[in-house]
Amino acid sequence: MSASYPIGEVARRFGLSPSALRFYESIGLLPEPARVSGRRRYGDDTVEQLAVIAAAQRAGFTLQEAALLLEGLRADVPPADAWRALAQSKLDELDTAAQQIDEMRAMLRTGLSCDCLDVDDIDAFRARCVAWARASGVSEQVE
């Protein structure tokens, strides 16, 4: 027999409110759980689904995208074209974000490596930040 967990325990595990879990059920993101004495009891499968949803959200997926991601991860059905398109789009977004993070890390490490910044160093650092902002599309108005 598999384990079952009350709504409060599952919600705490994932930093959610019980109402969030009920909402996930209402939009079909989670299956309706078994009930014991009228109270929701979640199994290991649902906990695993929540782990995938949480990971997807940390990576920037919306709930609707997370639902599509879960649909595409079924062992009995090959991934649909829509799932593959979403996965490729998100991979592209993550690659762009990773590149931007690496660039910002490099700028911050440059700033930290200086024992004493002089005016030229500060101006060069600011210019590099402005160039990064323009290149990443953060702002077209950066001057």
C-alpha atoms as a PDB file:
ATOM      1  CA  MET A   1       0.000   0.000   0.000  1.00  0.00           C
ATOM      2  CA  SER A   2       1.390   3.410  -0.916  1.00  0.00           C
ATOM      3  CA  ALA A   3       1.672   6.266   1.527  1.00  0.00           C
ATOM      4  CA  SER A   4      -0.936   8.997   1.736  1.00  0.00           C
ATOM      5  CA  TYR A   5      -0.483  12.461   3.096  1.00  0.00           C
ATOM      6  CA  PRO A   6      -2.923  15.104   4.324  1.00  0.00           C
ATOM      7  CA  ILE A   7      -3.266  18.345   2.372  1.00  0.00           C
ATOM      8  CA  GLY A   8      -1.507  20.414   5.051  1.00  0.00           C
ATOM      9  CA  GLU A   9       1.582  18.219   5.049  1.00  0.00           C
ATOM     10  CA  VAL A  10       1.862  18.207   1.269  1.00  0.00           C
ATOM     11  CA  ALA A  11       1.337  21.954   1.116  1.00  0.00           C
ATOM     12  CA  ARG A  12       4.086  22.554   3.705  1.00  0.00           C
ATOM     13  CA  ARG A  13       6.525  20.322   1.814  1.00  0.00           C
ATOM     14  CA  PHE A  14       6.217  22.537  -1.224  1.00  0.00           C
ATOM     15  CA  GLY A  15       5.802  25.909   0.471  1.00  0.00           C
ATOM     16  CA  LEU A  16       2.220  26.184  -0.749  1.00  0.00           C
ATOM     17  CA  SER A  17      -1.077  26.850   0.930  1.00  0.00           C
ATOM     18  CA  PRO A  18      -3.738  24.138   0.993  1.00  0.00           C
ATOM     19  CA  SER A  19      -5.871  26.429  -1.167  1.00  0.00           C
ATOM     20  CA  ALA A  20      -3.132  26.345  -3.831  1.00  0.00           C
ATOM     21  CA  LEU A  21      -3.390  22.557  -3.960  1.00  0.00           C
ATOM     22  CA  ARG A  22      -7.166  22.791  -4.259  1.00  0.00           C
ATOM     23  CA  PHE A  23      -6.686  25.323  -7.077  1.00  0.00           C
ATOM     24  CA  TYR A  24      -4.250  22.984  -8.855  1.00  0.00           C
ATOM     25  CA  GLU A  25      -6.950  20.301  -8.674  1.00  0.00           C
ATOM     26  CA  SER A  26      -9.637  22.666  -9.994  1.00  0.00           C
ATOM     27  CA  ILE A  27      -7.607  23.500 -13.121  1.00  0.00           C
ATOM     28  CA  GLY A  28      -6.673  19.857 -13.720  1.00  0.00           C
ATOM     29  CA  LEU A  29      -3.005  20.254 -12.850  1.00  0.00           C
ATOM     30  CA  LEU A  30      -3.382  17.623 -10.127  1.00  0.00           C
ATOM     31  CA  PRO A  31      -5.786  14.705 -10.068  1.00  0.00           C
ATOM     32  CA  GLU A  32      -8.532  14.718  -7.506  1.00  0.00           C
ATOM     33  CA  PRO A  33      -7.108  12.942  -4.453  1.00  0.00           C
ATOM     34  CA  ALA A  34      -8.578  10.073  -2.521  1.00  0.00           C
ATOM     35  CA  ARG A  35     -10.570  11.077   0.511  1.00  0.00           C
ATOM     36  CA  VAL A  36     -10.555   9.536   3.939  1.00  0.00           C
ATOM     37  CA  SER A  37     -13.414  10.679   6.180  1.00  0.00           C
ATOM     38  CA  GLY A  38     -14.003  13.488   3.667  1.00  0.00           C
ATOM     39  CA  ARG A  39     -10.428  14.787   3.882  1.00  0.00           C
ATOM     40  CA  ARG A  40      -8.019  14.884   0.971  1.00  0.00           C
ATOM     41  CA  ARG A  41      -5.180  12.359   1.042  1.00  0.00           C
ATOM     42  CA  TYR A  42      -2.395  12.660  -1.524  1.00  0.00           C
ATOM     43  CA  GLY A  43      -0.308   9.730  -2.723  1.00  0.00           C
ATOM     44  CA  ASP A  44       3.320   9.547  -3.754  1.00  0.00           C
ATOM     45  CA  ASP A  45       2.387  10.045  -7.432  1.00  0.00           C
ATOM     46  CA  THR A  46       0.846  13.431  -6.649  1.00  0.00           C
ATOM     47  CA  VAL A  47       3.836  14.427  -4.529  1.00  0.00           C
ATOM     48  CA  GLU A  48       6.081  13.575  -7.487  1.00  0.00           C
ATOM     49  CA  GLN A  49       3.870  15.656  -9.800  1.00  0.00           C
ATOM     50  CA  LEU A  50       4.173  18.581  -7.401  1.00  0.00           C
ATOM     51  CA  ALA A  51       7.954  18.199  -7.457  1.00  0.00           C
ATOM     52  CA  VAL A  52       7.909  18.474 -11.263  1.00  0.00           C
ATOM     53  CA  ILE A  53       5.580  21.500 -11.063  1.00  0.00           C
ATOM     54  CA  ALA A  54       7.829  23.185  -8.490  1.00  0.00           C
ATOM     55  CA  ALA A  55      10.934  22.563 -10.603  1.00  0.00           C
ATOM     56  CA  ALA A  56       9.150  23.880 -13.699  1.00  0.00           C
ATOM     57  CA  GLN A  57       8.049  27.030 -11.885  1.00  0.00           C
ATOM     58  CA  ARG A  58      11.588  27.673 -10.602  1.00  0.00           C
ATOM     59  CA  ALA A  59      12.718  27.442 -14.228  1.00  0.00           C
ATOM     60  CA  GLY A  60      10.140  30.035 -15.305  1.00  0.00           C
ATOM     61  CA  PHE A  61       7.286  27.853 -16.522  1.00  0.00           C
ATOM     62  CA  THR A  62       3.727  29.069 -16.018  1.00  0.00           C
ATOM     63  CA  LEU A  63       1.190  26.690 -14.502  1.00  0.00           C
ATOM     64  CA  GLN A  64      -0.289  26.098 -17.972  1.00  0.00           C
ATOM     65  CA  GLU A  65       3.169  25.269 -19.319  1.00  0.00           C
ATOM     66  CA  ALA A  66       3.798  22.991 -16.342  1.00  0.00           C
ATOM     67  CA  ALA A  67       0.575  21.149 -17.158  1.00  0.00           C
ATOM     68  CA  LEU A  68       1.758  20.619 -20.736  1.00  0.00           C
ATOM     69  CA  LEU A  69       5.135  19.506 -19.415  1.00  0.00           C
ATOM     70  CA  LEU A  70       3.465  16.904 -17.185  1.00  0.00           C
ATOM     71  CA  GLU A  71       1.323  15.663 -20.084  1.00  0.00           C
ATOM     72  CA  GLY A  72       4.459  15.150 -22.157  1.00  0.00           C
ATOM     73  CA  LEU A  73       6.160  13.114 -19.440  1.00  0.00           C
ATOM     74  CA  ARG A  74       3.783  10.161 -19.561  1.00  0.00           C
ATOM     75  CA  ALA A  75       5.415   6.803 -20.143  1.00  0.00           C
ATOM     76  CA  ASP A  76       2.513   5.479 -22.211  1.00  0.00           C
ATOM     77  CA  VAL A  77       2.414   8.312 -24.776  1.00  0.00           C
ATOM     78  CA  PRO A  78       5.233   9.815 -26.861  1.00  0.00           C
ATOM     79  CA  PRO A  79       5.697  13.572 -26.428  1.00  0.00           C
ATOM     80  CA  ALA A  80       3.438  15.647 -28.670  1.00  0.00           C
ATOM     81  CA  ASP A  81       4.721  18.313 -31.030  1.00  0.00           C
ATOM     82  CA  ALA A  82       3.356  21.009 -28.693  1.00  0.00           C
ATOM     83  CA  TRP A  83       5.347  19.520 -25.821  1.00  0.00           C
ATOM     84  CA  ARG A  84       8.495  19.414 -27.909  1.00  0.00           C
ATOM     85  CA  ALA A  85       7.993  23.032 -29.032  1.00  0.00           C
ATOM     86  CA  LEU A  86       7.492  24.152 -25.422  1.00  0.00           C
ATOM     87  CA  ALA A  87      10.557  22.224 -24.271  1.00  0.00           C
ATOM     88  CA  GLN A  88      12.716  23.745 -27.026  1.00  0.00           C
ATOM     89  CA  SER A  89      11.411  27.251 -26.315  1.00  0.00           C
ATOM     90  CA  LYS A  90      12.149  26.896 -22.610  1.00  0.00           C
ATOM     91  CA  LEU A  91      15.603  25.490 -23.320  1.00  0.00           C
ATOM     92  CA  ASP A  92      16.324  28.556 -25.452  1.00  0.00           C
ATOM     93  CA  GLU A  93      15.072  30.851 -22.661  1.00  0.00           C
ATOM     94  CA  LEU A  94      17.175  29.036 -20.061  1.00  0.00           C
ATOM     95  CA  ASP A  95      20.270  29.203 -22.269  1.00  0.00           C
ATOM     96  CA  THR A  96      19.786  32.956 -22.671  1.00  0.00           C
ATOM     97  CA  ALA A  97      19.240  33.426 -18.939  1.00  0.00           C
ATOM     98  CA  ALA A  98      22.330  31.324 -18.141  1.00  0.00           C
ATOM     99  CA  GLN A  99      24.426  33.442 -20.488  1.00  0.00           C
ATOM    100  CA  GLN A 100      23.147  36.640 -18.871  1.00  0.00           C
ATOM    101  CA  ILE A 101      23.858  35.269 -15.405  1.00  0.00           C
ATOM    102  CA  ASP A 102      27.399  34.307 -16.441  1.00  0.00           C
ATOM    103  CA  GLU A 103      27.967  37.807 -17.822  1.00  0.00           C
ATOM    104  CA  MET A 104      26.695  39.436 -14.618  1.00  0.00           C
ATOM    105  CA  ARG A 105      28.839  37.094 -12.495  1.00  0.00           C
ATOM    106  CA  ALA A 106      31.893  38.125 -14.508  1.00  0.00           C
ATOM    107  CA  MET A 107      31.086  41.805 -14.006  1.00  0.00           C
ATOM    108  CA  LEU A 108      30.562  41.383 -10.271  1.00  0.00           C
ATOM    109  CA  ARG A 109      33.733  39.324  -9.886  1.00  0.00           C
ATOM    110  CA  THR A 110      35.648  42.045 -11.704  1.00  0.00           C
ATOM    111  CA  GLY A 111      34.283  44.583  -9.251  1.00  0.00           C
ATOM    112  CA  LEU A 112      35.114  42.398  -6.265  1.00  0.00           C
ATOM    113  CA  SER A 113      38.647  41.680  -7.458  1.00  0.00           C
ATOM    114  CA  CYS A 114      39.631  45.350  -7.222  1.00  0.00           C
ATOM    115  CA  ASP A 115      41.000  46.393  -3.847  1.00  0.00           C
ATOM    116  CA  CYS A 116      40.419  50.039  -4.605  1.00  0.00           C
ATOM    117  CA  LEU A 117      38.279  51.251  -7.453  1.00  0.00           C
ATOM    118  CA  ASP A 118      39.286  54.514  -9.024  1.00  0.00           C
ATOM    119  CA  VAL A 119      37.066  56.692 -11.193  1.00  0.00           C
ATOM    120  CA  ASP A 120      38.230  54.952 -14.397  1.00  0.00           C
ATOM    121  CA  ASP A 121      37.416  51.520 -12.963  1.00  0.00           C
ATOM    122  CA  ILE A 122      33.950  52.660 -11.888  1.00  0.00           C
ATOM    123  CA  ASP A 123      33.271  54.218 -15.306  1.00  0.00           C
ATOM    124  CA  ALA A 124      34.439  51.027 -17.057  1.00  0.00           C
ATOM    125  CA  PHE A 125      32.233  48.901 -14.780  1.00  0.00           C
ATOM    126  CA  ARG A 126      29.210  51.148 -15.444  1.00  0.00           C
ATOM    127  CA  ALA A 127      29.869  51.043 -19.202  1.00  0.00           C
ATOM    128  CA  ARG A 128      30.030  47.249 -19.083  1.00  0.00           C
ATOM    129  CA  CYS A 129      26.721  47.136 -17.160  1.00  0.00           C
ATOM    130  CA  VAL A 130      25.070  49.454 -19.698  1.00  0.00           C
ATOM    131  CA  ALA A 131      26.369  47.354 -22.594  1.00  0.00           C
ATOM    132  CA  TRP A 132      25.074  44.199 -20.918  1.00  0.00           C
ATOM    133  CA  ALA A 133      21.648  45.793 -20.341  1.00  0.00           C
ATOM    134  CA  ARG A 134      21.401  46.869 -23.967  1.00  0.00           C
ATOM    135  CA  ALA A 135      22.572  43.505 -25.312  1.00  0.00           C
ATOM    136  CA  SER A 136      20.135  41.564 -23.157  1.00  0.00           C
ATOM    137  CA  GLY A 137      17.213  43.790 -24.089  1.00  0.00           C
ATOM    138  CA  VAL A 138      16.729  44.926 -20.504  1.00  0.00           C
ATOM    139  CA  SER A 139      16.372  48.497 -21.628  1.00  0.00           C
ATOM    140  CA  GLU A 140      16.614  50.261 -24.923  1.00  0.00           C
ATOM    141  CA  GLN A 141      16.765  53.600 -23.105  1.00  0.00           C
ATOM    142  CA  VAL A 142      19.915  52.942 -21.045  1.00  0.00           C
ATOM    143  CA  GLU A 143      22.436  55.687 -21.532  1.00  0.00           C
END
